[in-house]
Amino acid sequence: MTQIDLYNGKGYVRYVDHLGNDLSFTRAARASFAKDSSEWNDKEERLLAFLIREGHMSVFRHAAVTFQIKAPLMVARQHWKYVVASAHADDQNGWNETSRRYVSVDPEFYVPQADQWRSKPENAKQGSGGPVNEKLGNLATDALQNHVDFSVELFESAIEAGIATEQARLFLPAFGLMQYYQWTVSVANLIHFFQERLAHDAQLEIQEMAQAVYQLTQPLYPATFKALGLELE
């Protein structure tokens, strides 16, 4: 499995490449004592468990994974805010986005289906509550789709009239606009990402992204994930 589709089939998380394996982390730890190891065994597994238990997370900077991601801008911006606001931002983070300043990519939008709209929660600290009723869900979906269609018409008319794409894009409703980007991240930062974004109180759309990243990454570093106790709910 190299890709997991998301957001009603309009988005995805796609595995591109990776560096290292479980042995990369214990070898990095052994370097402190001018030692090395060439194969995975029970001794390495015990050392890995010790490193995690004692919080020696710097060794997990010695491996990284690259993903291509297509997600609604509201998710991409939350993802990016999490990265740049984190003390882990120096842990091998690479981020490159498609720019509408340079390319005229056909705009795509994430429009929730009627049964995907969530209610305002009773607890203001939570992002959303349970699903809204079917009538309200249908009204919301139709209203948003009409808004998207009208905005795309304005965008295309502006370009046809001779306005630069980098300004014409102002007509597009931003938060649902699908954004494509490539993300390279160390395993150290991935662990932090999972701890934060697999949590039940994270926004559902970024939880879905985190779950997809987890499923694509776990087979690459199985002993590490087992030792961390990272499990999908």
Protein backbone atom coordinates (compact mmCIF):
# COMPACT_ATOMS: atom_id res chain seq x y z
CA MET A 1 0.00 0.00 0.00
CA THR A 2 1.51 3.31 -1.08
CA GLN A 3 -1.52 5.63 -1.06
CA ILE A 4 -4.59 6.15 1.11
CA ASP A 5 -7.44 8.23 -0.33
CA LEU A 6 -9.14 10.80 1.89
CA TYR A 7 -11.70 13.60 1.85
CA ASN A 8 -14.34 11.91 -0.29
CA GLY A 9 -11.75 10.76 -2.79
CA LYS A 10 -10.47 14.26 -3.59
CA GLY A 11 -7.39 13.99 -1.36
CA TYR A 12 -4.82 11.44 -0.32
CA VAL A 13 -1.60 10.66 1.54
CA ARG A 14 0.97 8.96 -0.69
CA TYR A 15 4.23 7.32 0.38
CA VAL A 16 7.18 8.51 -1.73
CA ASP A 17 10.44 7.42 -0.07
CA HIS A 18 12.10 6.76 3.26
CA LEU A 19 15.51 6.61 4.92
CA GLY A 20 16.57 4.09 7.53
CA ASN A 21 14.87 1.37 9.58
CA ASP A 22 14.54 0.30 13.22
CA LEU A 23 18.25 -0.46 13.38
CA SER A 24 19.06 3.16 12.46
CA PHE A 25 17.98 4.30 15.92
CA THR A 26 19.91 1.81 18.02
CA ARG A 27 23.00 2.28 15.85
CA ALA A 28 22.76 6.03 16.48
CA ALA A 29 22.55 5.36 20.22
CA ARG A 30 25.57 3.02 20.15
CA ALA A 31 27.63 5.73 18.44
CA SER A 32 27.86 7.47 21.82
CA PHE A 33 30.08 4.60 22.95
CA ALA A 34 31.91 4.24 19.62
CA LYS A 35 30.05 1.00 18.97
CA ASP A 36 27.88 -0.28 16.16
CA SER A 37 25.47 -3.09 15.26
CA SER A 38 24.78 -4.69 11.90
CA GLU A 39 21.66 -6.76 12.57
CA TRP A 40 18.40 -6.58 14.46
CA ASN A 41 18.11 -8.91 17.44
CA ASP A 42 16.73 -9.10 20.98
CA LYS A 43 19.55 -6.91 22.28
CA GLU A 44 18.62 -4.16 19.84
CA GLU A 45 14.98 -4.49 20.78
CA ARG A 46 15.80 -4.03 24.49
CA LEU A 47 17.95 -0.99 23.69
CA LEU A 48 15.16 0.53 21.63
CA ALA A 49 12.71 0.05 24.49
CA PHE A 50 15.20 1.70 26.87
CA LEU A 51 15.66 4.70 24.58
CA ILE A 52 11.92 5.28 24.37
CA ARG A 53 11.32 4.69 28.06
CA GLU A 54 14.02 7.18 29.04
CA GLY A 55 12.97 9.76 26.44
CA HIS A 56 16.15 9.68 24.34
CA MET A 57 14.32 10.86 21.22
CA SER A 58 17.21 12.48 19.34
CA VAL A 59 18.17 9.10 17.84
CA PHE A 60 14.91 9.12 15.89
CA ARG A 61 16.21 11.99 13.78
CA HIS A 62 18.36 9.47 11.89
CA ALA A 63 15.51 8.28 9.67
CA ALA A 64 12.94 10.17 7.64
CA VAL A 65 9.92 9.64 5.40
CA THR A 66 8.65 11.61 2.41
CA PHE A 67 4.95 11.88 1.60
CA GLN A 68 2.89 13.59 -1.05
CA ILE A 69 -0.32 14.96 0.41
CA LYS A 70 -3.45 16.45 -1.09
CA ALA A 71 -5.76 17.93 1.52
CA PRO A 72 -8.18 20.81 2.09
CA LEU A 73 -6.36 24.04 2.85
CA MET A 74 -7.89 24.13 6.35
CA VAL A 75 -6.11 20.83 7.07
CA ALA A 76 -2.86 21.76 5.33
CA ARG A 77 -2.65 25.01 7.28
CA GLN A 78 -3.34 23.27 10.58
CA HIS A 79 -0.66 20.74 9.67
CA TRP A 80 1.81 23.50 8.77
CA LYS A 81 1.03 25.52 11.89
CA TYR A 82 1.71 22.44 13.95
CA VAL A 83 5.08 21.96 12.25
CA VAL A 84 6.38 25.54 12.44
CA ALA A 85 5.11 26.10 15.97
CA SER A 86 6.80 22.96 17.26
CA ALA A 87 10.19 22.64 18.89
CA HIS A 88 10.58 19.67 16.55
CA ALA A 89 10.61 21.91 13.48
CA ASP A 90 14.36 21.44 13.07
CA ASP A 91 14.02 17.66 12.98
CA GLN A 92 14.34 17.25 9.22
CA ASN A 93 11.18 18.92 8.00
CA GLY A 94 10.87 19.60 4.29
CA TRP A 95 7.73 21.21 2.88
CA ASN A 96 6.98 22.25 -0.71
CA GLU A 97 3.56 23.28 -2.01
CA THR A 98 2.05 23.79 -5.42
CA SER A 99 1.78 27.56 -6.00
CA ARG A 100 -1.11 29.12 -7.88
CA ARG A 101 1.20 32.02 -8.62
CA TYR A 102 2.99 29.82 -11.15
CA VAL A 103 0.56 27.14 -12.31
CA SER A 104 -3.11 27.29 -13.29
CA VAL A 105 -4.24 24.07 -11.64
CA ASP A 106 -7.96 23.44 -11.94
CA PRO A 107 -9.40 24.32 -8.53
CA GLU A 108 -10.84 21.41 -6.55
CA PHE A 109 -12.74 21.71 -3.29
CA TYR A 110 -13.61 19.53 -0.36
CA VAL A 111 -17.40 19.64 0.12
CA PRO A 112 -18.62 17.48 3.00
CA GLN A 113 -21.51 15.15 2.23
CA ALA A 114 -24.77 15.65 4.11
CA ASP A 115 -23.86 13.07 6.77
CA GLN A 116 -20.37 14.56 7.34
CA TRP A 117 -21.37 17.90 8.87
CA ARG A 118 -20.79 18.08 12.62
CA SER A 119 -22.59 20.11 15.24
CA LYS A 120 -21.24 22.82 17.51
CA PRO A 121 -20.08 21.10 20.73
CA GLU A 122 -21.37 21.84 24.21
CA ASN A 123 -17.76 22.11 25.38
CA ALA A 124 -16.19 25.11 23.65
CA LYS A 125 -12.74 23.52 23.98
CA GLN A 126 -13.73 20.77 21.55
CA GLY A 127 -13.78 21.51 17.83
CA SER A 128 -17.09 19.81 17.02
CA GLY A 129 -19.81 17.56 18.32
CA GLY A 130 -21.91 14.83 16.80
CA PRO A 131 -23.42 14.83 13.31
CA VAL A 132 -26.17 17.31 12.48
CA ASN A 133 -29.58 16.14 11.29
CA GLU A 134 -30.05 15.07 7.67
CA LYS A 135 -32.05 18.15 6.65
CA LEU A 136 -29.42 20.58 7.90
CA GLY A 137 -26.66 18.46 6.39
CA ASN A 138 -28.28 18.55 2.96
CA LEU A 139 -28.82 22.31 3.17
CA ALA A 140 -25.19 22.88 4.15
CA THR A 141 -23.82 20.68 1.35
CA ASP A 142 -26.00 22.35 -1.30
CA ALA A 143 -25.16 25.83 -0.05
CA LEU A 144 -21.42 25.19 -0.02
CA GLN A 145 -21.47 23.58 -3.48
CA ASN A 146 -23.36 26.59 -4.89
CA HIS A 147 -20.85 28.91 -3.25
CA VAL A 148 -17.93 26.95 -4.73
CA ASP A 149 -19.47 26.92 -8.23
CA PHE A 150 -20.07 30.69 -8.18
CA SER A 151 -16.57 31.39 -6.85
CA VAL A 152 -14.96 29.28 -9.59
CA GLU A 153 -16.96 31.23 -12.19
CA LEU A 154 -15.61 34.51 -10.77
CA PHE A 155 -12.07 33.09 -10.73
CA GLU A 156 -12.22 31.94 -14.34
CA SER A 157 -13.85 35.18 -15.50
CA ALA A 158 -11.10 37.21 -13.86
CA ILE A 159 -8.40 35.19 -15.64
CA GLU A 160 -10.20 35.49 -18.98
CA ALA A 161 -10.42 39.25 -18.45
CA GLY A 162 -6.65 39.41 -18.07
CA ILE A 163 -6.13 39.47 -14.29
CA ALA A 164 -3.05 37.65 -13.00
CA THR A 165 -3.70 34.19 -11.56
CA GLU A 166 -1.99 35.15 -8.29
CA GLN A 167 -4.72 37.76 -7.76
CA ALA A 168 -7.62 35.96 -9.42
CA ARG A 169 -7.25 33.21 -6.81
CA LEU A 170 -8.68 35.65 -4.25
CA PHE A 171 -12.11 34.75 -5.63
CA LEU A 172 -11.71 31.12 -4.55
CA PRO A 173 -13.10 30.07 -1.15
CA ALA A 174 -9.87 29.21 0.63
CA PHE A 175 -10.52 26.73 3.41
CA GLY A 176 -12.02 23.98 1.25
CA LEU A 177 -9.55 24.44 -1.61
CA MET A 178 -7.56 21.25 -2.17
CA GLN A 179 -3.83 21.84 -1.72
CA TYR A 180 -1.02 19.58 -2.93
CA TYR A 181 2.31 19.42 -1.10
CA GLN A 182 5.29 17.19 -0.34
CA TRP A 183 6.41 16.64 3.24
CA THR A 184 9.68 15.11 4.38
CA VAL A 185 9.85 14.51 8.11
CA SER A 186 12.11 12.73 10.57
CA VAL A 187 10.74 9.83 12.59
CA ALA A 188 11.32 11.95 15.71
CA ASN A 189 8.85 14.53 14.44
CA LEU A 190 6.48 11.86 13.16
CA ILE A 191 6.23 10.43 16.66
CA HIS A 192 5.34 13.86 18.01
CA PHE A 193 2.83 14.34 15.16
CA PHE A 194 1.14 11.05 15.98
CA GLN A 195 0.97 11.80 19.68
CA GLU A 196 -0.77 15.09 18.94
CA ARG A 197 -2.92 14.35 15.89
CA LEU A 198 -4.08 10.81 16.57
CA ALA A 199 -5.62 12.12 19.79
CA HIS A 200 -9.41 11.90 19.99
CA ASP A 201 -9.74 15.67 20.49
CA ALA A 202 -7.82 16.61 17.32
CA GLN A 203 -9.91 17.92 14.41
CA LEU A 204 -11.41 14.92 12.61
CA GLU A 205 -10.01 15.83 9.19
CA ILE A 206 -6.42 15.98 10.44
CA GLN A 207 -6.97 12.83 12.52
CA GLU A 208 -7.81 11.10 9.24
CA MET A 209 -4.57 12.39 7.73
CA ALA A 210 -2.56 11.26 10.75
CA GLN A 211 -4.14 7.80 10.57
CA ALA A 212 -3.19 7.52 6.90
CA VAL A 213 0.40 8.63 7.60
CA TYR A 214 0.54 6.10 10.45
CA GLN A 215 -0.67 3.22 8.26
CA LEU A 216 1.91 4.03 5.59
CA THR A 217 4.76 4.46 8.07
CA GLN A 218 4.22 1.61 10.54
CA PRO A 219 5.50 -1.13 8.18
CA LEU A 220 8.75 0.81 7.71
CA TYR A 221 9.63 0.88 11.44
CA PRO A 222 7.55 -1.91 13.05
CA ALA A 223 9.71 -2.47 16.16
CA THR A 224 9.73 1.25 16.93
CA PHE A 225 5.96 1.56 16.65
CA LYS A 226 5.52 -1.51 18.84
CA ALA A 227 7.87 -0.14 21.50
CA LEU A 228 6.11 3.23 21.46
CA GLY A 229 2.74 1.60 21.92
CA LEU A 230 1.30 3.71 19.11
CA GLU A 231 -2.01 2.21 18.09
CA LEU A 232 -4.92 3.48 16.04
CA GLU A 233 -8.16 3.82 17.98
